C-alpha cells in the first residue's frame, strides 16, 4: 500500500504491484466506509483485506481499480464468525472435569 484518500464516504487505497521485471503497476481499491460498520470491520483491517482482494485477482492485472464490495465484506464477516465458533468449540472440548470431583482417598 502506498497511500489512501477519501472521496465522500469512500476510502481509496492505492497500491503498487511489482512484476517479475520489477516494474510497478498502480492499483486502487475502493471501500464504502458506511458498510464496514455494518459488518464490524475496523479501519485497521482494510489495507490487508484490500491486499487479499488484489492478490485474488492477480491473474487479471489489467483490472486496475477494484471495489471491496458488500459481498466481500459479508464473506469476511462470515469467515470471522466461523473462526470464532470453531475456537469456542475447541475451547469447550478441552475443559474436562475430573470424575469423582475430589481428592484421592
PDB file of N, CA and C in Angstrom:
ATOM      1  N   UNK A   1       0.852  -1.165   0.000  1.00  0.00           N
ATOM      2  CA  UNK A   1       0.000   0.000   0.000  1.00  0.00           C
ATOM      3  C   UNK A   1       0.899   1.230   0.000  1.00  0.00           C
ATOM      4  N   UNK A   2       0.572   2.168  -0.843  1.00  0.00           N
ATOM      5  CA  UNK A   2       1.374   3.388  -0.902  1.00  0.00           C
ATOM      6  C   UNK A   2       0.699   4.552  -0.189  1.00  0.00           C
ATOM      7  N   UNK A   3      -0.634   4.616  -0.258  1.00  0.00           N
ATOM      8  CA  UNK A   3      -1.350   5.699   0.417  1.00  0.00           C
ATOM      9  C   UNK A   3      -2.852   5.424   0.342  1.00  0.00           C
ATOM     10  N   UNK A   4      -3.618   6.356   0.889  1.00  0.00           N
ATOM     11  CA  UNK A   4      -5.067   6.298   0.758  1.00  0.00           C
ATOM     12  C   UNK A   4      -5.600   7.721   0.804  1.00  0.00           C
ATOM     13  N   UNK A   5      -6.826   7.901   0.320  1.00  0.00           N
ATOM     14  CA  UNK A   5      -7.506   9.186   0.432  1.00  0.00           C
ATOM     15  C   UNK A   5      -9.011   8.957   0.416  1.00  0.00           C
ATOM     16  N   UNK A   6      -9.748  10.001   0.785  1.00  0.00           N
ATOM     17  CA  UNK A   6     -11.207   9.911   0.863  1.00  0.00           C
ATOM     18  C   UNK A   6     -11.850  10.719  -0.248  1.00  0.00           C
ATOM     19  N   UNK A   7     -12.950  10.183  -0.717  1.00  0.00           N
ATOM     20  CA  UNK A   7     -13.860  10.930  -1.587  1.00  0.00           C
ATOM     21  C   UNK A   7     -15.247  10.597  -1.076  1.00  0.00           C
ATOM     22  N   UNK A   8     -15.872  11.574  -0.444  1.00  0.00           N
ATOM     23  CA  UNK A   8     -17.182  11.364   0.167  1.00  0.00           C
ATOM     24  C   UNK A   8     -17.044  10.298   1.259  1.00  0.00           C
ATOM     25  N   UNK A   9     -17.822   9.231   1.199  1.00  0.00           N
ATOM     26  CA  UNK A   9     -17.749   8.169   2.208  1.00  0.00           C
ATOM     27  C   UNK A   9     -16.927   6.974   1.707  1.00  0.00           C
ATOM     28  N   UNK A  10     -16.149   7.193   0.660  1.00  0.00           N
ATOM     29  CA  UNK A  10     -15.347   6.129   0.050  1.00  0.00           C
ATOM     30  C   UNK A  10     -13.876   6.363   0.396  1.00  0.00           C
ATOM     31  N   UNK A  11     -13.239   5.327   0.912  1.00  0.00           N
ATOM     32  CA  UNK A  11     -11.791   5.399   1.135  1.00  0.00           C
ATOM     33  C   UNK A  11     -11.139   4.640  -0.011  1.00  0.00           C
ATOM     34  N   UNK A  12     -10.185   5.290  -0.661  1.00  0.00           N
ATOM     35  CA  UNK A  12      -9.469   4.684  -1.782  1.00  0.00           C
ATOM     36  C   UNK A  12      -8.050   4.356  -1.329  1.00  0.00           C
ATOM     37  N   UNK A  13      -7.725   3.069  -1.400  1.00  0.00           N
ATOM     38  CA  UNK A  13      -6.398   2.594  -1.043  1.00  0.00           C
ATOM     39  C   UNK A  13      -5.589   2.432  -2.321  1.00  0.00           C
ATOM     40  N   UNK A  14      -4.407   3.001  -2.340  1.00  0.00           N
ATOM     41  CA  UNK A  14      -3.540   2.936  -3.515  1.00  0.00           C
ATOM     42  C   UNK A  14      -2.414   1.956  -3.240  1.00  0.00           C
ATOM     43  N   UNK A  15      -2.212   1.053  -4.182  1.00  0.00           N
ATOM     44  CA  UNK A  15      -1.187   0.010  -4.073  1.00  0.00           C
ATOM     45  C   UNK A  15      -0.306   0.053  -5.303  1.00  0.00           C
ATOM     46  N   UNK A  16       0.912  -0.439  -5.160  1.00  0.00           N
ATOM     47  CA  UNK A  16       1.797  -0.678  -6.300  1.00  0.00           C
ATOM     48  C   UNK A  16       2.020  -2.174  -6.409  1.00  0.00           C
ATOM     49  N   UNK A  17       1.674  -2.726  -7.549  1.00  0.00           N
ATOM     50  CA  UNK A  17       2.020  -4.112  -7.832  1.00  0.00           C
ATOM     51  C   UNK A  17       3.392  -4.124  -8.479  1.00  0.00           C
ATOM     52  N   UNK A  18       4.190  -5.124  -8.166  1.00  0.00           N
ATOM     53  CA  UNK A  18       5.539  -5.215  -8.746  1.00  0.00           C
ATOM     54  C   UNK A  18       5.642  -6.546  -9.470  1.00  0.00           C
ATOM     55  N   UNK A  19       5.931  -6.483 -10.768  1.00  0.00           N
ATOM     56  CA  UNK A  19       6.004  -7.721 -11.542  1.00  0.00           C
ATOM     57  C   UNK A  19       7.419  -8.315 -11.506  1.00  0.00           C
ATOM     58  N   UNK A  20       7.615  -9.388 -12.218  1.00  0.00           N
ATOM     59  CA  UNK A  20       8.894 -10.107 -12.205  1.00  0.00           C
ATOM     60  C   UNK A  20      10.045  -9.237 -12.719  1.00  0.00           C
ATOM     61  N   UNK A  21       9.736  -8.283 -13.602  1.00  0.00           N
ATOM     62  CA  UNK A  21      10.759  -7.380 -14.138  1.00  0.00           C
ATOM     63  C   UNK A  21      10.954  -6.139 -13.271  1.00  0.00           C
ATOM     64  N   UNK A  22      10.355  -6.137 -12.079  1.00  0.00           N
ATOM     65  CA  UNK A  22      10.443  -5.051 -11.104  1.00  0.00           C
ATOM     66  C   UNK A  22       9.726  -3.783 -11.571  1.00  0.00           C
ATOM     67  N   UNK A  23       8.808  -3.927 -12.540  1.00  0.00           N
ATOM     68  CA  UNK A  23       8.005  -2.780 -12.975  1.00  0.00           C
ATOM     69  C   UNK A  23       6.838  -2.619 -12.019  1.00  0.00           C
ATOM     70  N   UNK A  24       6.537  -1.375 -11.703  1.00  0.00           N
ATOM     71  CA  UNK A  24       5.427  -1.066 -10.793  1.00  0.00           C
ATOM     72  C   UNK A  24       4.160  -0.775 -11.587  1.00  0.00           C
ATOM     73  N   UNK A  25       3.056  -1.294 -11.068  1.00  0.00           N
ATOM     74  CA  UNK A  25       1.758  -1.038 -11.670  1.00  0.00           C
ATOM     75  C   UNK A  25       0.832  -0.527 -10.567  1.00  0.00           C
ATOM     76  N   UNK A  26       0.222   0.644 -10.762  1.00  0.00           N
ATOM     77  CA  UNK A  26      -0.667   1.175  -9.723  1.00  0.00           C
ATOM     78  C   UNK A  26      -2.034   0.479  -9.729  1.00  0.00           C
ATOM     79  N   UNK A  27      -2.551   0.239  -8.528  1.00  0.00           N
ATOM     80  CA  UNK A  27      -3.879  -0.334  -8.339  1.00  0.00           C
ATOM     81  C   UNK A  27      -4.610   0.487  -7.284  1.00  0.00           C
ATOM     82  N   UNK A  28      -5.912   0.539  -7.413  1.00  0.00           N
ATOM     83  CA  UNK A  28      -6.750   1.241  -6.441  1.00  0.00           C
ATOM     84  C   UNK A  28      -7.854   0.300  -5.988  1.00  0.00           C
ATOM     85  N   UNK A  29      -8.092   0.284  -4.668  1.00  0.00           N
ATOM     86  CA  UNK A  29      -9.216  -0.475  -4.116  1.00  0.00           C
ATOM     87  C   UNK A  29     -10.089   0.507  -3.347  1.00  0.00           C
ATOM     88  N   UNK A  30     -11.375   0.555  -3.713  1.00  0.00           N
ATOM     89  CA  UNK A  30     -12.328   1.467  -3.087  1.00  0.00           C
ATOM     90  C   UNK A  30     -13.173   0.717  -2.053  1.00  0.00           C
ATOM     91  N   UNK A  31     -13.416   1.379  -0.918  1.00  0.00           N
ATOM     92  CA  UNK A  31     -14.193   0.775   0.159  1.00  0.00           C
ATOM     93  C   UNK A  31     -15.214   1.788   0.675  1.00  0.00           C
ATOM     94  N   UNK A  32     -16.466   1.372   0.768  1.00  0.00           N
ATOM     95  CA  UNK A  32     -17.530   2.201   1.338  1.00  0.00           C
ATOM     96  C   UNK A  32     -17.435   2.109   2.856  1.00  0.00           C
ATOM     97  N   UNK A  33     -17.076   3.210   3.503  1.00  0.00           N
ATOM     98  CA  UNK A  33     -16.875   3.194   4.947  1.00  0.00           C
ATOM     99  C   UNK A  33     -18.177   2.993   5.716  1.00  0.00           C
ATOM    100  N   UNK A  34     -19.304   3.318   5.120  1.00  0.00           N
ATOM    101  CA  UNK A  34     -20.589   3.071   5.769  1.00  0.00           C
ATOM    102  C   UNK A  34     -20.867   1.591   5.926  1.00  0.00           C
ATOM    103  N   UNK A  35     -20.436   0.800   4.974  1.00  0.00           N
ATOM    104  CA  UNK A  35     -20.678  -0.648   5.025  1.00  0.00           C
ATOM    105  C   UNK A  35     -19.771  -1.363   6.015  1.00  0.00           C
ATOM    106  N   UNK A  36     -18.576  -0.845   6.258  1.00  0.00           N
ATOM    107  CA  UNK A  36     -17.676  -1.575   7.161  1.00  0.00           C
ATOM    108  C   UNK A  36     -18.245  -1.630   8.572  1.00  0.00           C
ATOM    109  N   UNK A  37     -19.004  -0.614   8.951  1.00  0.00           N
ATOM    110  CA  UNK A  37     -19.632  -0.630  10.282  1.00  0.00           C
ATOM    111  C   UNK A  37     -20.667  -1.747  10.368  1.00  0.00           C
ATOM    112  N   UNK A  38     -21.413  -1.913   9.292  1.00  0.00           N
ATOM    113  CA  UNK A  38     -22.457  -2.949   9.248  1.00  0.00           C
ATOM    114  C   UNK A  38     -21.868  -4.334   9.484  1.00  0.00           C
ATOM    115  N   UNK A  39     -20.662  -4.567   8.974  1.00  0.00           N
ATOM    116  CA  UNK A  39     -20.022  -5.881   9.079  1.00  0.00           C
ATOM    117  C   UNK A  39     -18.926  -5.917  10.148  1.00  0.00           C
ATOM    118  N   UNK A  40     -18.877  -4.875  10.976  1.00  0.00           N
ATOM    119  CA  UNK A  40     -17.936  -4.791  12.094  1.00  0.00           C
ATOM    120  C   UNK A  40     -16.486  -5.003  11.658  1.00  0.00           C
ATOM    121  N   UNK A  41     -16.129  -4.337  10.564  1.00  0.00           N
ATOM    122  CA  UNK A  41     -14.760  -4.370  10.058  1.00  0.00           C
ATOM    123  C   UNK A  41     -14.080  -3.073  10.488  1.00  0.00           C
ATOM    124  N   UNK A  42     -12.925  -3.185  11.107  1.00  0.00           N
ATOM    125  CA  UNK A  42     -12.227  -1.984  11.577  1.00  0.00           C
ATOM    126  C   UNK A  42     -11.423  -1.351  10.437  1.00  0.00           C
ATOM    127  N   UNK A  43     -11.174  -0.064  10.581  1.00  0.00           N
ATOM    128  CA  UNK A  43     -10.347   0.634   9.596  1.00  0.00           C
ATOM    129  C   UNK A  43      -8.963   0.002   9.473  1.00  0.00           C
ATOM    130  N   UNK A  44      -8.451  -0.513  10.599  1.00  0.00           N
ATOM    131  CA  UNK A  44      -7.114  -1.103  10.597  1.00  0.00           C
ATOM    132  C   UNK A  44      -7.054  -2.374   9.753  1.00  0.00           C
ATOM    133  N   UNK A  45      -8.169  -3.068   9.612  1.00  0.00           N
ATOM    134  CA  UNK A  45      -8.198  -4.301   8.819  1.00  0.00           C
ATOM    135  C   UNK A  45      -8.210  -4.043   7.320  1.00  0.00           C
ATOM    136  N   UNK A  46      -8.677  -2.881   6.922  1.00  0.00           N
ATOM    137  CA  UNK A  46      -8.928  -2.631   5.500  1.00  0.00           C
ATOM    138  C   UNK A  46      -7.718  -2.769   4.582  1.00  0.00           C
ATOM    139  N   UNK A  47      -6.549  -2.228   4.908  1.00  0.00           N
ATOM    140  CA  UNK A  47      -5.434  -2.388   3.973  1.00  0.00           C
ATOM    141  C   UNK A  47      -5.122  -3.859   3.659  1.00  0.00           C
ATOM    142  N   UNK A  48      -5.138  -4.709   4.674  1.00  0.00           N
ATOM    143  CA  UNK A  48      -4.842  -6.124   4.447  1.00  0.00           C
ATOM    144  C   UNK A  48      -5.959  -6.798   3.656  1.00  0.00           C
ATOM    145  N   UNK A  49      -7.208  -6.478   3.965  1.00  0.00           N
ATOM    146  CA  UNK A  49      -8.325  -7.051   3.209  1.00  0.00           C
ATOM    147  C   UNK A  49      -8.275  -6.619   1.749  1.00  0.00           C
ATOM    148  N   UNK A  50      -7.900  -5.373   1.507  1.00  0.00           N
ATOM    149  CA  UNK A  50      -7.758  -4.889   0.132  1.00  0.00           C
ATOM    150  C   UNK A  50      -6.612  -5.606  -0.577  1.00  0.00           C
ATOM    151  N   UNK A  51      -5.539  -5.845   0.146  1.00  0.00           N
ATOM    152  CA  UNK A  51      -4.413  -6.582  -0.443  1.00  0.00           C
ATOM    153  C   UNK A  51      -4.845  -7.997  -0.833  1.00  0.00           C
ATOM    154  N   UNK A  52      -5.602  -8.670   0.045  1.00  0.00           N
ATOM    155  CA  UNK A  52      -6.102 -10.012  -0.286  1.00  0.00           C
ATOM    156  C   UNK A  52      -6.977  -9.969  -1.542  1.00  0.00           C
ATOM    157  N   UNK A  53      -7.793  -8.928  -1.653  1.00  0.00           N
ATOM    158  CA  UNK A  53      -8.637  -8.781  -2.840  1.00  0.00           C
ATOM    159  C   UNK A  53      -7.773  -8.654  -4.089  1.00  0.00           C
ATOM    160  N   UNK A  54      -6.731  -7.842  -4.013  1.00  0.00           N
ATOM    161  CA  UNK A  54      -5.815  -7.689  -5.150  1.00  0.00           C
ATOM    162  C   UNK A  54      -5.109  -8.996  -5.485  1.00  0.00           C
ATOM    163  N   UNK A  55      -4.656  -9.711  -4.462  1.00  0.00           N
ATOM    164  CA  UNK A  55      -3.974 -10.982  -4.706  1.00  0.00           C
ATOM    165  C   UNK A  55      -4.922 -11.996  -5.350  1.00  0.00           C
ATOM    166  N   UNK A  56      -6.179 -11.927  -4.996  1.00  0.00           N
ATOM    167  CA  UNK A  56      -7.169 -12.843  -5.567  1.00  0.00           C
ATOM    168  C   UNK A  56      -7.436 -12.605  -7.038  1.00  0.00           C
ATOM    169  N   UNK A  57      -7.195 -11.415  -7.503  1.00  0.00           N
ATOM    170  CA  UNK A  57      -7.409 -11.113  -8.919  1.00  0.00           C
ATOM    171  C   UNK A  57      -6.098 -10.978  -9.677  1.00  0.00           C
ATOM    172  N   UNK A  58      -5.008 -11.451  -9.107  1.00  0.00           N
ATOM    173  CA  UNK A  58      -3.669 -11.285  -9.698  1.00  0.00           C
ATOM    174  C   UNK A  58      -3.568 -11.842 -11.110  1.00  0.00           C
ATOM    175  N   UNK A  59      -4.386 -12.813 -11.440  1.00  0.00           N
ATOM    176  CA  UNK A  59      -4.320 -13.395 -12.780  1.00  0.00           C
ATOM    177  C   UNK A  59      -4.738 -12.392 -13.850  1.00  0.00           C
ATOM    178  N   UNK A  60      -5.553 -11.408 -13.482  1.00  0.00           N
ATOM    179  CA  UNK A  60      -6.000 -10.413 -14.443  1.00  0.00           C
ATOM    180  C   UNK A  60      -5.529  -9.031 -14.003  1.00  0.00           C
ATOM    181  N   UNK A  61      -4.265  -8.749 -14.230  1.00  0.00           N
ATOM    182  CA  UNK A  61      -3.663  -7.485 -13.788  1.00  0.00           C
ATOM    183  C   UNK A  61      -4.137  -6.301 -14.625  1.00  0.00           C
ATOM    184  N   UNK A  62      -4.962  -6.557 -15.637  1.00  0.00           N
ATOM    185  CA  UNK A  62      -5.490  -5.443 -16.433  1.00  0.00           C
ATOM    186  C   UNK A  62      -6.503  -4.638 -15.639  1.00  0.00           C
ATOM    187  N   UNK A  63      -7.123  -5.248 -14.632  1.00  0.00           N
ATOM    188  CA  UNK A  63      -8.087  -4.544 -13.797  1.00  0.00           C
ATOM    189  C   UNK A  63      -7.296  -3.738 -12.770  1.00  0.00           C
ATOM    190  N   UNK A  64      -7.365  -2.435 -12.877  1.00  0.00           N
ATOM    191  CA  UNK A  64      -6.540  -1.577 -12.023  1.00  0.00           C
ATOM    192  C   UNK A  64      -7.324  -0.934 -10.882  1.00  0.00           C
ATOM    193  N   UNK A  65      -8.650  -0.862 -11.019  1.00  0.00           N
ATOM    194  CA  UNK A  65      -9.491  -0.273  -9.982  1.00  0.00           C
ATOM    195  C   UNK A  65     -10.511  -1.314  -9.561  1.00  0.00           C
ATOM    196  N   UNK A  66     -10.486  -1.657  -8.278  1.00  0.00           N
ATOM    197  CA  UNK A  66     -11.408  -2.656  -7.750  1.00  0.00           C
ATOM    198  C   UNK A  66     -12.210  -2.042  -6.612  1.00  0.00           C
ATOM    199  N   UNK A  67     -13.297  -2.711  -6.269  1.00  0.00           N
ATOM    200  CA  UNK A  67     -14.107  -2.302  -5.132  1.00  0.00           C
ATOM    201  C   UNK A  67     -14.230  -3.470  -4.171  1.00  0.00           C
ATOM    202  N   UNK A  68     -13.985  -3.194  -2.910  1.00  0.00           N
ATOM    203  CA  UNK A  68     -14.214  -4.176  -1.859  1.00  0.00           C
ATOM    204  C   UNK A  68     -15.708  -4.085  -1.567  1.00  0.00           C
ATOM    205  N   UNK A  69     -16.468  -5.000  -2.157  1.00  0.00           N
ATOM    206  CA  UNK A  69     -17.925  -4.911  -2.178  1.00  0.00           C
ATOM    207  C   UNK A  69     -18.562  -5.395  -0.882  1.00  0.00           C
ATOM    208  N   UNK A  70     -19.867  -5.186  -0.800  1.00  0.00           N
ATOM    209  CA  UNK A  70     -20.619  -5.688   0.353  1.00  0.00           C
ATOM    210  C   UNK A  70     -20.559  -7.211   0.404  1.00  0.00           C
ATOM    211  N   UNK A  71     -20.542  -7.853  -0.738  1.00  0.00           N
ATOM    212  CA  UNK A  71     -20.409  -9.322  -0.776  1.00  0.00           C
ATOM    213  C   UNK A  71     -19.066  -9.740  -0.188  1.00  0.00           C
ATOM    214  N   UNK A  72     -18.000  -9.015  -0.524  1.00  0.00           N
ATOM    215  CA  UNK A  72     -16.676  -9.296   0.044  1.00  0.00           C
ATOM    216  C   UNK A  72     -16.694  -9.113   1.564  1.00  0.00           C
ATOM    217  N   UNK A  73     -17.350  -8.037   2.011  1.00  0.00           N
ATOM    218  CA  UNK A  73     -17.416  -7.757   3.446  1.00  0.00           C
ATOM    219  C   UNK A  73     -18.212  -8.832   4.178  1.00  0.00           C
ATOM    220  N   UNK A  74     -19.334  -9.241   3.594  1.00  0.00           N
ATOM    221  CA  UNK A  74     -20.148 -10.293   4.206  1.00  0.00           C
ATOM    222  C   UNK A  74     -19.348 -11.590   4.290  1.00  0.00           C
ATOM    223  N   UNK A  75     -18.615 -11.907   3.244  1.00  0.00           N
ATOM    224  CA  UNK A  75     -17.770 -13.106   3.250  1.00  0.00           C
ATOM    225  C   UNK A  75     -16.724 -13.050   4.350  1.00  0.00           C
ATOM    226  N   UNK A  76     -16.103 -11.888   4.513  1.00  0.00           N
ATOM    227  CA  UNK A  76     -15.109 -11.728   5.582  1.00  0.00           C
ATOM    228  C   UNK A  76     -15.761 -11.898   6.948  1.00  0.00           C
ATOM    229  N   UNK A  77     -16.916 -11.272   7.147  1.00  0.00           N
ATOM    230  CA  UNK A  77     -17.622 -11.369   8.433  1.00  0.00           C
ATOM    231  C   UNK A  77     -18.033 -12.815   8.716  1.00  0.00           C
ATOM    232  N   UNK A  78     -18.483 -13.529   7.691  1.00  0.00           N
ATOM    233  CA  UNK A  78     -18.874 -14.939   7.856  1.00  0.00           C
ATOM    234  C   UNK A  78     -17.677 -15.806   8.227  1.00  0.00           C
ATOM    235  N   UNK A  79     -16.538 -15.583   7.558  1.00  0.00           N
ATOM    236  CA  UNK A  79     -15.326 -16.353   7.880  1.00  0.00           C
ATOM    237  C   UNK A  79     -14.848 -16.057   9.299  1.00  0.00           C
ATOM    238  N   UNK A  80     -14.920 -14.800   9.692  1.00  0.00           N
ATOM    239  CA  UNK A  80     -14.522 -14.417  11.045  1.00  0.00           C
ATOM    240  C   UNK A  80     -15.433 -15.075  12.082  1.00  0.00           C
ATOM    241  N   UNK A  81     -16.750 -15.071  11.841  1.00  0.00           N
ATOM    242  CA  UNK A  81     -17.700 -15.690  12.770  1.00  0.00           C
ATOM    243  C   UNK A  81     -17.469 -17.195  12.857  1.00  0.00           C
ATOM    244  N   UNK A  82     -17.193 -17.843  11.728  1.00  0.00           N
ATOM    245  CA  UNK A  82     -16.928 -19.286  11.735  1.00  0.00           C
ATOM    246  C   UNK A  82     -15.658 -19.602  12.518  1.00  0.00           C
ATOM    247  N   UNK A  83     -14.639 -18.777  12.365  1.00  0.00           N
ATOM    248  CA  UNK A  83     -13.388 -18.994  13.107  1.00  0.00           C
ATOM    249  C   UNK A  83     -13.614 -18.827  14.603  1.00  0.00           C
ATOM    250  N   UNK A  84     -14.431 -17.854  14.990  1.00  0.00           N
ATOM    251  CA  UNK A  84     -14.736 -17.666  16.410  1.00  0.00           C
ATOM    252  C   UNK A  84     -15.523 -18.852  16.974  1.00  0.00           C
ATOM    253  N   UNK A  85     -16.494 -19.347  16.192  1.00  0.00           N
ATOM    254  CA  UNK A  85     -17.264 -20.527  16.638  1.00  0.00           C
ATOM    255  C   UNK A  85     -16.349 -21.730  16.800  1.00  0.00           C
ATOM    256  N   UNK A  86     -15.457 -21.935  15.844  1.00  0.00           N
ATOM    257  CA  UNK A  86     -14.537 -23.078  15.916  1.00  0.00           C
ATOM    258  C   UNK A  86     -13.623 -22.951  17.126  1.00  0.00           C
ATOM    259  N   UNK A  87     -13.158 -21.745  17.417  1.00  0.00           N
ATOM    260  CA  UNK A  87     -12.297 -21.532  18.587  1.00  0.00           C
ATOM    261  C   UNK A  87     -13.064 -21.822  19.872  1.00  0.00           C
ATOM    262  N   UNK A  88     -14.315 -21.400  19.930  1.00  0.00           N
ATOM    263  CA  UNK A  88     -15.134 -21.667  21.116  1.00  0.00           C
ATOM    264  C   UNK A  88     -15.376 -23.167  21.293  1.00  0.00           C
ATOM    265  N   UNK A  89     -15.609 -23.869  20.186  1.00  0.00           N
ATOM    266  CA  UNK A  89     -15.818 -25.315  20.258  1.00  0.00           C
ATOM    267  C   UNK A  89     -14.559 -26.022  20.741  1.00  0.00           C
ATOM    268  N   UNK A  90     -13.399 -25.598  20.240  1.00  0.00           N
ATOM    269  CA  UNK A  90     -12.138 -26.202  20.682  1.00  0.00           C
ATOM    270  C   UNK A  90     -11.912 -25.941  22.161  1.00  0.00           C
ATOM    271  N   UNK A  91     -12.216 -24.732  22.588  1.00  0.00           N
ATOM    272  CA  UNK A  91     -12.032 -24.379  23.985  1.00  0.00           C
ATOM    273  C   UNK A  91     -12.962 -25.222  24.865  1.00  0.00           C
ATOM    274  N   UNK A  92     -14.176 -25.434  24.424  1.00  0.00           N
ATOM    275  CA  UNK A  92     -15.140 -26.227  25.182  1.00  0.00           C
ATOM    276  C   UNK A  92     -14.750 -27.692  25.284  1.00  0.00           C
ATOM    277  N   UNK A  93     -14.122 -28.231  24.270  1.00  0.00           N
ATOM    278  CA  UNK A  93     -13.711 -29.644  24.291  1.00  0.00           C
ATOM    279  C   UNK A  93     -12.550 -29.877  25.238  1.00  0.00           C
ATOM    280  N   UNK A  94     -11.743 -28.876  25.487  1.00  0.00           N
ATOM    281  CA  UNK A  94     -10.564 -29.038  26.335  1.00  0.00           C
ATOM    282  C   UNK A  94     -10.875 -28.882  27.817  1.00  0.00           C
ATOM    283  N   UNK A  95     -12.071 -28.521  28.139  1.00  0.00           N
ATOM    284  CA  UNK A  95     -12.449 -28.338  29.539  1.00  0.00           C
ATOM    285  C   UNK A  95     -13.045 -29.627  30.090  1.00  0.00           C
ATOM    286  N   UNK A  96     -12.226 -30.508  30.504  1.00  0.00           N
ATOM    287  CA  UNK A  96     -12.688 -31.772  31.087  1.00  0.00           C
ATOM    288  C   UNK A  96     -12.537 -31.701  32.582  1.00  0.00           C
ATOM    289  N   UNK A  97     -13.593 -32.045  33.265  1.00  0.00           N
ATOM    290  CA  UNK A  97     -13.578 -32.023  34.726  1.00  0.00           C
ATOM    291  C   UNK A  97     -13.253 -33.418  35.253  1.00  0.00           C
ATOM    292  N   UNK A  98     -12.523 -33.484  36.318  1.00  0.00           N
ATOM    293  CA  UNK A  98     -12.175 -34.793  36.870  1.00  0.00           C
ATOM    294  C   UNK A  98     -13.422 -35.533  37.346  1.00  0.00           C
ATOM    295  N   UNK A  99     -13.443 -36.842  37.128  1.00  0.00           N
ATOM    296  CA  UNK A  99     -14.552 -37.682  37.577  1.00  0.00           C
ATOM    297  C   UNK A  99     -14.402 -37.889  39.075  1.00  0.00           C
ATOM    298  N   UNK A 100     -15.490 -37.828  39.813  1.00  0.00           N
ATOM    299  CA  UNK A 100     -15.424 -38.027  41.250  1.00  0.00           C
ATOM    300  C   UNK A 100     -15.255 -36.712  41.978  1.00  0.00           C
ATOM    301  N   UNK A 101     -14.755 -35.712  41.284  1.00  0.00           N
ATOM    302  CA  UNK A 101     -14.680 -34.365  41.792  1.00  0.00           C
ATOM    303  C   UNK A 101     -13.930 -34.163  43.084  1.00  0.00           C
ATOM    304  N   UNK A 102     -12.963 -34.976  43.350  1.00  0.00           N
ATOM    305  CA  UNK A 102     -12.331 -34.690  44.618  1.00  0.00           C
ATOM    306  C   UNK A 102     -10.933 -35.249  44.732  1.00  0.00           C
ATOM    307  N   UNK A 103     -10.561 -35.405  45.963  1.00  0.00           N
ATOM    308  CA  UNK A 103      -9.207 -35.851  46.252  1.00  0.00           C
ATOM    309  C   UNK A 103      -9.174 -37.351  46.403  1.00  0.00           C
ATOM    310  N   UNK A 104      -8.059 -37.962  46.095  1.00  0.00           N
ATOM    311  CA  UNK A 104      -7.957 -39.414  46.265  1.00  0.00           C
ATOM    312  C   UNK A 104      -8.028 -39.791  47.734  1.00  0.00           C
ATOM    313  N   UNK A 105      -8.558 -40.978  47.992  1.00  0.00           N
ATOM    314  CA  UNK A 105      -8.705 -41.439  49.373  1.00  0.00           C
ATOM    315  C   UNK A 105      -7.557 -42.271  49.809  1.00  0.00           C
TER     316      UNK A 105
END
